Amino acid sequence: MKQLFTCVALCFFASSIGQETKVISEETIISIKKDIWIPFMEAYANLDSEKLKSIHSADIVRIYMDQNTVENGQSYMENFGGFLDSMKQRDGRLGIAFAILSTAIDENEELAYQTGYYRFSSKRKDDAELIVRGYGLFSVGIKKIDGVWKLWLDSDKRINIDAAEFNNQDIIYELND
């Protein structure tokens, strides 16, 4: 078993030698931000389940890494949208921000994969303002559908980082209050 692992590791390393790092255009990064991350944050801030649904593809695959479960398609979107709707009914507020750690893209710039951190905040009935409730690590698959970026894969898990670690990243997306 150890020999197999060594062989696989060496083959992976050897296959990556000489490969150039792809430069992703500023236009593509801005387009993904505009199509995915800004509407995602706005959907949370406005508790808008329809906007949240609109940034996902119909064949979305959602992986809850902490729970070892997978959901997909319409049932996932209804559950996720229901979460925002229930917060609205309870007069709650939500906030989410993203720190992008990496982006990979195909040669046609129509399929992308991003990893990063998210910061989740909420305001409950007795809170004066939004309070950071925690951080997570996410991985998403994004594809262009009719010229618009959509999430087709979304996975995350809670992690223990602090505000400094989140804020120390080069690319941070958050709504300005």
N, C-alpha and C. Protein backbone atom coordinates (compact mmCIF):
# COMPACT_ATOMS: atom_id res chain seq x y z
N MET A 1 0.82 -1.19 0.00
CA MET A 1 0.00 0.00 0.00
C MET A 1 0.87 1.26 0.00
N LYS A 2 1.93 1.23 0.81
CA LYS A 2 2.83 2.38 0.87
C LYS A 2 3.49 2.63 -0.48
N GLN A 3 3.86 1.55 -1.18
CA GLN A 3 4.49 1.69 -2.50
C GLN A 3 3.51 2.29 -3.50
N LEU A 4 2.24 1.88 -3.42
CA LEU A 4 1.22 2.42 -4.32
C LEU A 4 1.06 3.92 -4.09
N PHE A 5 0.99 4.33 -2.83
CA PHE A 5 0.87 5.75 -2.51
C PHE A 5 2.06 6.54 -3.05
N THR A 6 3.27 6.00 -2.85
CA THR A 6 4.48 6.66 -3.34
C THR A 6 4.44 6.81 -4.85
N CYS A 7 4.00 5.76 -5.55
CA CYS A 7 3.91 5.79 -7.01
C CYS A 7 2.90 6.84 -7.47
N VAL A 8 1.74 6.87 -6.84
CA VAL A 8 0.70 7.84 -7.19
C VAL A 8 1.21 9.26 -6.93
N ALA A 9 1.84 9.48 -5.80
CA ALA A 9 2.36 10.81 -5.47
C ALA A 9 3.42 11.24 -6.47
N LEU A 10 4.32 10.36 -6.82
CA LEU A 10 5.36 10.69 -7.79
C LEU A 10 4.78 10.95 -9.17
N CYS A 11 3.79 10.15 -9.58
CA CYS A 11 3.16 10.35 -10.89
C CYS A 11 2.44 11.70 -10.93
N PHE A 12 1.75 12.07 -9.85
CA PHE A 12 1.07 13.35 -9.79
C PHE A 12 2.09 14.49 -9.87
N PHE A 13 3.15 14.37 -9.09
CA PHE A 13 4.19 15.40 -9.09
C PHE A 13 4.83 15.53 -10.47
N ALA A 14 5.14 14.40 -11.08
CA ALA A 14 5.78 14.41 -12.40
C ALA A 14 4.87 15.02 -13.45
N SER A 15 3.57 14.75 -13.36
CA SER A 15 2.65 15.29 -14.37
C SER A 15 2.48 16.80 -14.23
N SER A 16 2.77 17.34 -13.06
CA SER A 16 2.60 18.79 -12.87
C SER A 16 3.86 19.58 -13.20
N ILE A 17 4.99 18.90 -13.38
CA ILE A 17 6.23 19.59 -13.73
C ILE A 17 6.10 20.14 -15.15
N GLY A 18 6.46 21.38 -15.31
CA GLY A 18 6.43 21.99 -16.63
C GLY A 18 5.08 22.59 -16.99
N GLN A 19 4.06 22.38 -16.20
CA GLN A 19 2.77 22.99 -16.49
C GLN A 19 2.77 24.42 -15.98
N GLU A 20 2.30 25.32 -16.82
CA GLU A 20 2.24 26.72 -16.44
C GLU A 20 0.97 26.99 -15.64
N THR A 21 1.06 27.97 -14.77
CA THR A 21 -0.11 28.40 -14.04
C THR A 21 -0.95 29.26 -14.98
N LYS A 22 -2.21 28.91 -15.10
CA LYS A 22 -3.12 29.65 -15.98
C LYS A 22 -3.42 31.00 -15.36
N VAL A 23 -3.34 32.03 -16.17
CA VAL A 23 -3.72 33.37 -15.73
C VAL A 23 -5.19 33.57 -16.09
N ILE A 24 -5.97 33.90 -15.09
CA ILE A 24 -7.40 34.10 -15.29
C ILE A 24 -7.64 35.58 -15.50
N SER A 25 -8.39 35.91 -16.52
CA SER A 25 -8.61 37.31 -16.86
C SER A 25 -9.37 38.05 -15.76
N GLU A 26 -9.04 39.31 -15.61
CA GLU A 26 -9.74 40.17 -14.66
C GLU A 26 -11.23 40.22 -15.00
N GLU A 27 -11.52 40.23 -16.28
CA GLU A 27 -12.92 40.27 -16.74
C GLU A 27 -13.70 39.06 -16.23
N THR A 28 -13.09 37.88 -16.26
CA THR A 28 -13.75 36.67 -15.79
C THR A 28 -13.97 36.72 -14.28
N ILE A 29 -12.97 37.14 -13.54
CA ILE A 29 -13.11 37.25 -12.08
C ILE A 29 -14.23 38.22 -11.72
N ILE A 30 -14.28 39.36 -12.41
CA ILE A 30 -15.34 40.35 -12.16
C ILE A 30 -16.70 39.78 -12.53
N SER A 31 -16.76 39.06 -13.63
CA SER A 31 -18.01 38.46 -14.09
C SER A 31 -18.54 37.44 -13.07
N ILE A 32 -17.67 36.59 -12.54
CA ILE A 32 -18.08 35.62 -11.51
C ILE A 32 -18.55 36.36 -10.26
N LYS A 33 -17.84 37.38 -9.86
CA LYS A 33 -18.24 38.17 -8.69
C LYS A 33 -19.63 38.76 -8.91
N LYS A 34 -19.86 39.34 -10.09
CA LYS A 34 -21.14 39.99 -10.41
C LYS A 34 -22.28 38.98 -10.50
N ASP A 35 -22.02 37.82 -11.09
CA ASP A 35 -23.08 36.83 -11.31
C ASP A 35 -23.34 35.93 -10.10
N ILE A 36 -22.32 35.69 -9.28
CA ILE A 36 -22.46 34.74 -8.16
C ILE A 36 -22.40 35.44 -6.80
N TRP A 37 -21.26 36.05 -6.50
CA TRP A 37 -21.00 36.47 -5.11
C TRP A 37 -21.82 37.68 -4.67
N ILE A 38 -21.98 38.68 -5.51
CA ILE A 38 -22.79 39.83 -5.10
C ILE A 38 -24.25 39.43 -4.92
N PRO A 39 -24.87 38.73 -5.89
CA PRO A 39 -26.26 38.31 -5.65
C PRO A 39 -26.41 37.38 -4.45
N PHE A 40 -25.42 36.55 -4.19
CA PHE A 40 -25.47 35.64 -3.03
C PHE A 40 -25.54 36.47 -1.75
N MET A 41 -24.66 37.45 -1.63
CA MET A 41 -24.65 38.29 -0.43
C MET A 41 -25.93 39.11 -0.33
N GLU A 42 -26.42 39.62 -1.46
CA GLU A 42 -27.66 40.41 -1.47
C GLU A 42 -28.85 39.54 -1.06
N ALA A 43 -28.88 38.30 -1.53
CA ALA A 43 -29.97 37.38 -1.17
C ALA A 43 -30.01 37.16 0.34
N TYR A 44 -28.84 37.00 0.97
CA TYR A 44 -28.79 36.86 2.42
C TYR A 44 -29.24 38.15 3.10
N ALA A 45 -28.69 39.28 2.67
CA ALA A 45 -29.00 40.56 3.32
C ALA A 45 -30.48 40.91 3.22
N ASN A 46 -31.10 40.55 2.09
CA ASN A 46 -32.51 40.89 1.86
C ASN A 46 -33.45 39.72 2.11
N LEU A 47 -32.91 38.60 2.57
CA LEU A 47 -33.68 37.38 2.79
C LEU A 47 -34.55 37.07 1.58
N ASP A 48 -33.90 37.09 0.41
CA ASP A 48 -34.56 36.94 -0.88
C ASP A 48 -34.30 35.53 -1.43
N SER A 49 -35.22 34.62 -1.18
CA SER A 49 -35.02 33.23 -1.60
C SER A 49 -35.03 33.09 -3.12
N GLU A 50 -35.79 33.92 -3.82
CA GLU A 50 -35.82 33.82 -5.29
C GLU A 50 -34.49 34.24 -5.89
N LYS A 51 -33.88 35.29 -5.35
CA LYS A 51 -32.57 35.71 -5.84
C LYS A 51 -31.54 34.62 -5.57
N LEU A 52 -31.61 34.02 -4.39
CA LEU A 52 -30.69 32.95 -4.05
C LEU A 52 -30.83 31.78 -5.04
N LYS A 53 -32.05 31.40 -5.34
CA LYS A 53 -32.28 30.31 -6.28
C LYS A 53 -31.76 30.66 -7.66
N SER A 54 -31.84 31.92 -8.06
CA SER A 54 -31.48 32.32 -9.42
C SER A 54 -29.99 32.18 -9.73
N ILE A 55 -29.13 32.09 -8.72
CA ILE A 55 -27.69 31.97 -8.98
C ILE A 55 -27.24 30.51 -9.06
N HIS A 56 -28.17 29.58 -8.87
CA HIS A 56 -27.86 28.15 -8.92
C HIS A 56 -28.39 27.54 -10.21
N SER A 57 -27.68 26.56 -10.73
CA SER A 57 -28.17 25.81 -11.89
C SER A 57 -29.26 24.84 -11.42
N ALA A 58 -30.10 24.42 -12.35
CA ALA A 58 -31.18 23.49 -12.01
C ALA A 58 -30.63 22.15 -11.50
N ASP A 59 -29.42 21.79 -11.91
CA ASP A 59 -28.83 20.52 -11.51
C ASP A 59 -27.81 20.66 -10.38
N ILE A 60 -27.99 21.68 -9.54
CA ILE A 60 -27.07 21.95 -8.43
C ILE A 60 -26.85 20.70 -7.58
N VAL A 61 -25.62 20.49 -7.16
CA VAL A 61 -25.27 19.43 -6.22
C VAL A 61 -24.72 20.12 -4.98
N ARG A 62 -25.31 19.84 -3.82
CA ARG A 62 -24.91 20.47 -2.57
C ARG A 62 -24.38 19.41 -1.63
N ILE A 63 -23.16 19.60 -1.15
CA ILE A 63 -22.51 18.65 -0.26
C ILE A 63 -22.33 19.32 1.10
N TYR A 64 -22.93 18.72 2.13
CA TYR A 64 -22.76 19.18 3.50
C TYR A 64 -21.66 18.30 4.10
N MET A 65 -20.44 18.78 4.07
CA MET A 65 -19.31 17.95 4.50
C MET A 65 -19.37 17.59 5.97
N ASP A 66 -19.88 18.48 6.82
CA ASP A 66 -19.97 18.19 8.25
C ASP A 66 -21.01 17.11 8.55
N GLN A 67 -22.04 17.01 7.71
CA GLN A 67 -23.11 16.03 7.94
C GLN A 67 -23.00 14.78 7.06
N ASN A 68 -22.01 14.75 6.16
CA ASN A 68 -21.84 13.62 5.24
C ASN A 68 -23.10 13.37 4.41
N THR A 69 -23.73 14.45 3.93
CA THR A 69 -24.93 14.31 3.12
C THR A 69 -24.80 15.11 1.82
N VAL A 70 -25.58 14.67 0.84
CA VAL A 70 -25.62 15.33 -0.45
C VAL A 70 -27.08 15.57 -0.81
N GLU A 71 -27.38 16.77 -1.31
CA GLU A 71 -28.69 17.10 -1.85
C GLU A 71 -28.49 17.60 -3.27
N ASN A 72 -29.57 17.60 -4.03
CA ASN A 72 -29.42 18.16 -5.37
C ASN A 72 -30.74 18.75 -5.87
N GLY A 73 -30.62 19.51 -6.95
CA GLY A 73 -31.75 20.03 -7.68
C GLY A 73 -32.74 20.83 -6.88
N GLN A 74 -33.98 20.65 -7.27
CA GLN A 74 -35.08 21.45 -6.72
C GLN A 74 -35.26 21.27 -5.22
N SER A 75 -35.10 20.06 -4.71
CA SER A 75 -35.31 19.84 -3.27
C SER A 75 -34.31 20.67 -2.45
N TYR A 76 -33.06 20.72 -2.92
CA TYR A 76 -32.07 21.54 -2.22
C TYR A 76 -32.46 23.01 -2.27
N MET A 77 -32.86 23.48 -3.45
CA MET A 77 -33.20 24.90 -3.59
C MET A 77 -34.41 25.28 -2.74
N GLU A 78 -35.38 24.38 -2.65
CA GLU A 78 -36.54 24.66 -1.81
C GLU A 78 -36.14 24.72 -0.33
N ASN A 79 -35.29 23.80 0.11
CA ASN A 79 -34.82 23.81 1.50
C ASN A 79 -34.02 25.07 1.81
N PHE A 80 -33.11 25.44 0.91
CA PHE A 80 -32.27 26.62 1.12
C PHE A 80 -33.13 27.89 1.10
N GLY A 81 -34.02 27.99 0.13
CA GLY A 81 -34.92 29.13 0.06
C GLY A 81 -35.81 29.21 1.29
N GLY A 82 -36.25 28.05 1.78
CA GLY A 82 -37.08 28.00 2.99
C GLY A 82 -36.35 28.53 4.20
N PHE A 83 -35.04 28.32 4.27
CA PHE A 83 -34.24 28.85 5.37
C PHE A 83 -34.32 30.37 5.40
N LEU A 84 -34.16 31.01 4.24
CA LEU A 84 -34.24 32.47 4.18
C LEU A 84 -35.66 32.95 4.51
N ASP A 85 -36.65 32.24 3.97
CA ASP A 85 -38.04 32.62 4.24
C ASP A 85 -38.37 32.51 5.73
N SER A 86 -37.86 31.49 6.41
CA SER A 86 -38.14 31.35 7.84
C SER A 86 -37.46 32.45 8.65
N MET A 87 -36.26 32.87 8.23
CA MET A 87 -35.60 33.99 8.91
C MET A 87 -36.42 35.27 8.75
N LYS A 88 -36.97 35.47 7.58
CA LYS A 88 -37.80 36.65 7.31
C LYS A 88 -39.04 36.64 8.20
N GLN A 89 -39.68 35.49 8.34
CA GLN A 89 -40.88 35.38 9.17
C GLN A 89 -40.59 35.65 10.64
N ARG A 90 -39.36 35.36 11.08
CA ARG A 90 -38.98 35.59 12.48
C ARG A 90 -38.35 36.96 12.68
N ASP A 91 -38.40 37.82 11.66
CA ASP A 91 -37.80 39.15 11.70
C ASP A 91 -36.31 39.11 11.97
N GLY A 92 -35.66 38.09 11.49
CA GLY A 92 -34.21 37.98 11.63
C GLY A 92 -33.50 38.67 10.48
N ARG A 93 -32.20 38.70 10.56
CA ARG A 93 -31.36 39.22 9.48
C ARG A 93 -30.19 38.29 9.33
N LEU A 94 -29.66 38.23 8.10
CA LEU A 94 -28.50 37.40 7.82
C LEU A 94 -27.47 38.21 7.05
N GLY A 95 -26.24 37.78 7.17
CA GLY A 95 -25.16 38.36 6.39
C GLY A 95 -24.15 37.27 6.07
N ILE A 96 -23.54 37.41 4.91
CA ILE A 96 -22.49 36.47 4.53
C ILE A 96 -21.46 37.25 3.72
N ALA A 97 -20.21 36.92 3.91
CA ALA A 97 -19.10 37.51 3.16
C ALA A 97 -18.20 36.37 2.72
N PHE A 98 -17.43 36.61 1.66
CA PHE A 98 -16.59 35.56 1.09
C PHE A 98 -15.16 36.04 0.92
N ALA A 99 -14.21 35.17 1.22
CA ALA A 99 -12.79 35.40 0.94
C ALA A 99 -12.37 34.30 -0.03
N ILE A 100 -11.99 34.68 -1.23
CA ILE A 100 -11.64 33.72 -2.26
C ILE A 100 -10.17 33.33 -2.11
N LEU A 101 -9.93 32.03 -1.98
CA LEU A 101 -8.57 31.52 -1.82
C LEU A 101 -7.96 31.09 -3.14
N SER A 102 -8.76 30.46 -4.01
CA SER A 102 -8.22 30.01 -5.29
C SER A 102 -9.31 29.96 -6.34
N THR A 103 -8.88 30.11 -7.58
CA THR A 103 -9.79 29.99 -8.73
C THR A 103 -9.06 29.20 -9.82
N ALA A 104 -9.75 28.23 -10.35
CA ALA A 104 -9.26 27.47 -11.50
C ALA A 104 -10.32 27.56 -12.58
N ILE A 105 -9.88 27.56 -13.83
CA ILE A 105 -10.83 27.75 -14.93
C ILE A 105 -10.41 26.92 -16.13
N ASP A 106 -11.39 26.51 -16.93
CA ASP A 106 -11.07 25.74 -18.14
C ASP A 106 -10.60 26.68 -19.25
N GLU A 107 -10.10 26.10 -20.31
CA GLU A 107 -9.51 26.91 -21.38
C GLU A 107 -10.53 27.78 -22.10
N ASN A 108 -11.80 27.42 -22.08
CA ASN A 108 -12.83 28.23 -22.74
C ASN A 108 -13.46 29.27 -21.80
N GLU A 109 -13.02 29.28 -20.55
CA GLU A 109 -13.55 30.17 -19.51
C GLU A 109 -15.06 30.06 -19.40
N GLU A 110 -15.52 28.80 -19.34
CA GLU A 110 -16.95 28.54 -19.18
C GLU A 110 -17.23 27.61 -18.00
N LEU A 111 -16.17 27.13 -17.37
CA LEU A 111 -16.28 26.23 -16.23
C LEU A 111 -15.20 26.64 -15.24
N ALA A 112 -15.60 26.88 -13.99
CA ALA A 112 -14.64 27.36 -12.99
C ALA A 112 -14.85 26.61 -11.68
N TYR A 113 -13.82 26.66 -10.86
CA TYR A 113 -13.84 26.05 -9.53
C TYR A 113 -13.19 27.05 -8.58
N GLN A 114 -13.88 27.37 -7.50
CA GLN A 114 -13.31 28.30 -6.53
C GLN A 114 -13.37 27.70 -5.13
N THR A 115 -12.36 28.06 -4.33
CA THR A 115 -12.35 27.70 -2.92
C THR A 115 -12.21 28.98 -2.11
N GLY A 116 -12.64 28.93 -0.88
CA GLY A 116 -12.50 30.10 -0.04
C GLY A 116 -13.11 29.91 1.32
N TYR A 117 -13.13 31.01 2.05
CA TYR A 117 -13.77 31.07 3.36
C TYR A 117 -15.07 31.86 3.23
N TYR A 118 -16.01 31.55 4.10
CA TYR A 118 -17.16 32.43 4.25
C TYR A 118 -17.29 32.82 5.71
N ARG A 119 -17.88 33.98 5.92
CA ARG A 119 -18.16 34.48 7.27
C ARG A 119 -19.67 34.63 7.36
N PHE A 120 -20.29 33.90 8.29
CA PHE A 120 -21.73 33.91 8.46
C PHE A 120 -22.11 34.78 9.66
N SER A 121 -23.06 35.68 9.44
CA SER A 121 -23.55 36.56 10.51
C SER A 121 -25.07 36.48 10.55
N SER A 122 -25.61 36.72 11.73
CA SER A 122 -27.07 36.79 11.86
C SER A 122 -27.44 37.76 12.97
N LYS A 123 -28.68 38.19 12.91
CA LYS A 123 -29.26 39.05 13.94
C LYS A 123 -30.53 38.36 14.40
N ARG A 124 -30.52 37.99 15.65
CA ARG A 124 -31.71 37.38 16.24
C ARG A 124 -32.54 38.47 16.91
N LYS A 125 -33.68 38.10 17.38
CA LYS A 125 -34.63 39.06 17.94
C LYS A 125 -34.01 39.99 18.99
N ASP A 126 -33.17 39.46 19.86
CA ASP A 126 -32.61 40.26 20.96
C ASP A 126 -31.28 40.93 20.63
N ASP A 127 -30.76 40.71 19.44
CA ASP A 127 -29.48 41.31 19.05
C ASP A 127 -29.69 42.72 18.51
N ALA A 128 -28.76 43.61 18.82
CA ALA A 128 -28.84 44.97 18.32
C ALA A 128 -28.41 45.07 16.86
N GLU A 129 -27.51 44.19 16.44
CA GLU A 129 -26.98 44.22 15.08
C GLU A 129 -26.55 42.82 14.67
N LEU A 130 -26.09 42.69 13.44
CA LEU A 130 -25.57 41.41 12.97
C LEU A 130 -24.36 41.01 13.81
N ILE A 131 -24.30 39.74 14.16
CA ILE A 131 -23.19 39.19 14.95
C ILE A 131 -22.58 38.05 14.15
N VAL A 132 -21.27 38.03 14.04
CA VAL A 132 -20.58 36.93 13.36
C VAL A 132 -20.80 35.67 14.18
N ARG A 133 -21.34 34.65 13.51
CA ARG A 133 -21.64 33.38 14.19
C ARG A 133 -20.62 32.31 13.88
N GLY A 134 -19.82 32.52 12.82
CA GLY A 134 -18.81 31.53 12.51
C GLY A 134 -18.27 31.66 11.10
N TYR A 135 -17.32 30.78 10.81
CA TYR A 135 -16.63 30.78 9.52
C TYR A 135 -16.70 29.38 8.94
N GLY A 136 -16.56 29.32 7.63
CA GLY A 136 -16.54 28.03 6.96
C GLY A 136 -15.58 28.05 5.79
N LEU A 137 -15.30 26.86 5.31
CA LEU A 137 -14.46 26.66 4.13
C LEU A 137 -15.38 26.12 3.05
N PHE A 138 -15.36 26.74 1.85
CA PHE A 138 -16.23 26.28 0.79
C PHE A 138 -15.44 25.92 -0.46
N SER A 139 -16.07 25.10 -1.30
CA SER A 139 -15.61 24.78 -2.65
C SER A 139 -16.84 24.82 -3.54
N VAL A 140 -16.72 25.51 -4.67
CA VAL A 140 -17.84 25.60 -5.58
C VAL A 140 -17.40 25.32 -7.01
N GLY A 141 -18.29 24.70 -7.75
CA GLY A 141 -18.16 24.54 -9.18
C GLY A 141 -19.11 25.53 -9.82
N ILE A 142 -18.63 26.24 -10.82
CA ILE A 142 -19.42 27.29 -11.47
C ILE A 142 -19.35 27.05 -12.97
N LYS A 143 -20.48 27.20 -13.65
CA LYS A 143 -20.48 27.06 -15.09
C LYS A 143 -21.32 28.17 -15.72
N LYS A 144 -20.95 28.50 -16.96
CA LYS A 144 -21.69 29.52 -17.70
C LYS A 144 -22.89 28.86 -18.36
N ILE A 145 -24.05 29.44 -18.11
CA ILE A 145 -25.28 28.99 -18.74
C ILE A 145 -25.90 30.21 -19.41
N ASP A 146 -26.01 30.17 -20.71
CA ASP A 146 -26.54 31.32 -21.47
C ASP A 146 -25.82 32.61 -21.13
N GLY A 147 -24.49 32.51 -20.97
CA GLY A 147 -23.66 33.69 -20.74
C GLY A 147 -23.61 34.18 -19.30
N VAL A 148 -24.26 33.46 -18.38
CA VAL A 148 -24.30 33.86 -16.97
C VAL A 148 -23.71 32.74 -16.13
N TRP A 149 -22.82 33.10 -15.18
CA TRP A 149 -22.25 32.12 -14.27
C TRP A 149 -23.30 31.63 -13.29
N LYS A 150 -23.35 30.30 -13.08
CA LYS A 150 -24.28 29.67 -12.13
C LYS A 150 -23.52 28.64 -11.30
N LEU A 151 -23.92 28.50 -10.05
CA LEU A 151 -23.35 27.46 -9.19
C LEU A 151 -23.96 26.12 -9.58
N TRP A 152 -23.12 25.12 -9.81
CA TRP A 152 -23.63 23.76 -10.06
C TRP A 152 -23.14 22.78 -9.00
N LEU A 153 -22.14 23.21 -8.21
CA LEU A 153 -21.61 22.40 -7.11
C LEU A 153 -21.30 23.34 -5.96
N ASP A 154 -21.76 22.97 -4.78
CA ASP A 154 -21.52 23.81 -3.61
C ASP A 154 -21.28 22.90 -2.41
N SER A 155 -20.10 23.01 -1.82
CA SER A 155 -19.81 22.23 -0.62
C SER A 155 -19.13 23.12 0.40
N ASP A 156 -19.38 22.82 1.67
CA ASP A 156 -18.72 23.59 2.71
C ASP A 156 -18.70 22.83 4.01
N LYS A 157 -17.91 23.36 4.92
CA LYS A 157 -17.88 22.85 6.28
C LYS A 157 -17.43 23.98 7.20
N ARG A 158 -17.87 23.92 8.43
CA ARG A 158 -17.46 24.91 9.42
C ARG A 158 -15.99 24.70 9.76
N ILE A 159 -15.29 25.81 10.01
CA ILE A 159 -13.89 25.72 10.42
C ILE A 159 -13.64 26.74 11.52
N ASN A 160 -12.55 26.54 12.22
CA ASN A 160 -12.16 27.44 13.30
C ASN A 160 -11.06 28.37 12.83
N ILE A 161 -11.47 29.49 12.26
CA ILE A 161 -10.53 30.56 11.97
C ILE A 161 -11.07 31.80 12.66
N ASP A 162 -10.26 32.83 12.71
CA ASP A 162 -10.72 34.07 13.34
C ASP A 162 -10.85 35.17 12.30
N ALA A 163 -11.31 36.32 12.74
CA ALA A 163 -11.51 37.45 11.84
C ALA A 163 -10.21 37.84 11.14
N ALA A 164 -9.10 37.77 11.84
CA ALA A 164 -7.81 38.15 11.24
C ALA A 164 -7.47 37.24 10.07
N GLU A 165 -7.67 35.93 10.23
CA GLU A 165 -7.38 34.99 9.14
C GLU A 165 -8.28 35.27 7.94
N PHE A 166 -9.55 35.49 8.18
CA PHE A 166 -10.49 35.80 7.10
C PHE A 166 -10.08 37.10 6.40
N ASN A 167 -9.86 38.14 7.19
CA ASN A 167 -9.57 39.47 6.64
C ASN A 167 -8.18 39.59 6.02
N ASN A 168 -7.33 38.61 6.23
CA ASN A 168 -5.97 38.64 5.70
C ASN A 168 -5.88 38.11 4.27
N GLN A 169 -6.99 37.72 3.68
CA GLN A 169 -6.98 37.17 2.32
C GLN A 169 -6.95 38.31 1.29
N ASP A 170 -6.42 38.01 0.11
CA ASP A 170 -6.29 39.03 -0.94
C ASP A 170 -7.62 39.44 -1.56
N ILE A 171 -8.54 38.49 -1.72
CA ILE A 171 -9.82 38.78 -2.35
C ILE A 171 -10.93 38.56 -1.33
N ILE A 172 -11.58 39.64 -0.93
CA ILE A 172 -12.69 39.57 0.02
C ILE A 172 -13.89 40.27 -0.61
N TYR A 173 -15.03 39.59 -0.59
CA TYR A 173 -16.28 40.17 -1.08
C TYR A 173 -17.22 40.32 0.11
N GLU A 174 -17.64 41.55 0.33
CA GLU A 174 -18.64 41.82 1.36
C GLU A 174 -19.46 43.01 0.92
N LEU A 175 -20.71 43.04 1.35
CA LEU A 175 -21.56 44.17 1.00
C LEU A 175 -21.22 45.34 1.91
N ASN A 176 -21.26 46.51 1.33
CA ASN A 176 -21.04 47.72 2.13
C ASN A 176 -22.37 48.12 2.73
N ASP A 177 -22.39 48.27 4.03
CA ASP A 177 -23.65 48.66 4.69
C ASP A 177 -23.96 50.11 4.48
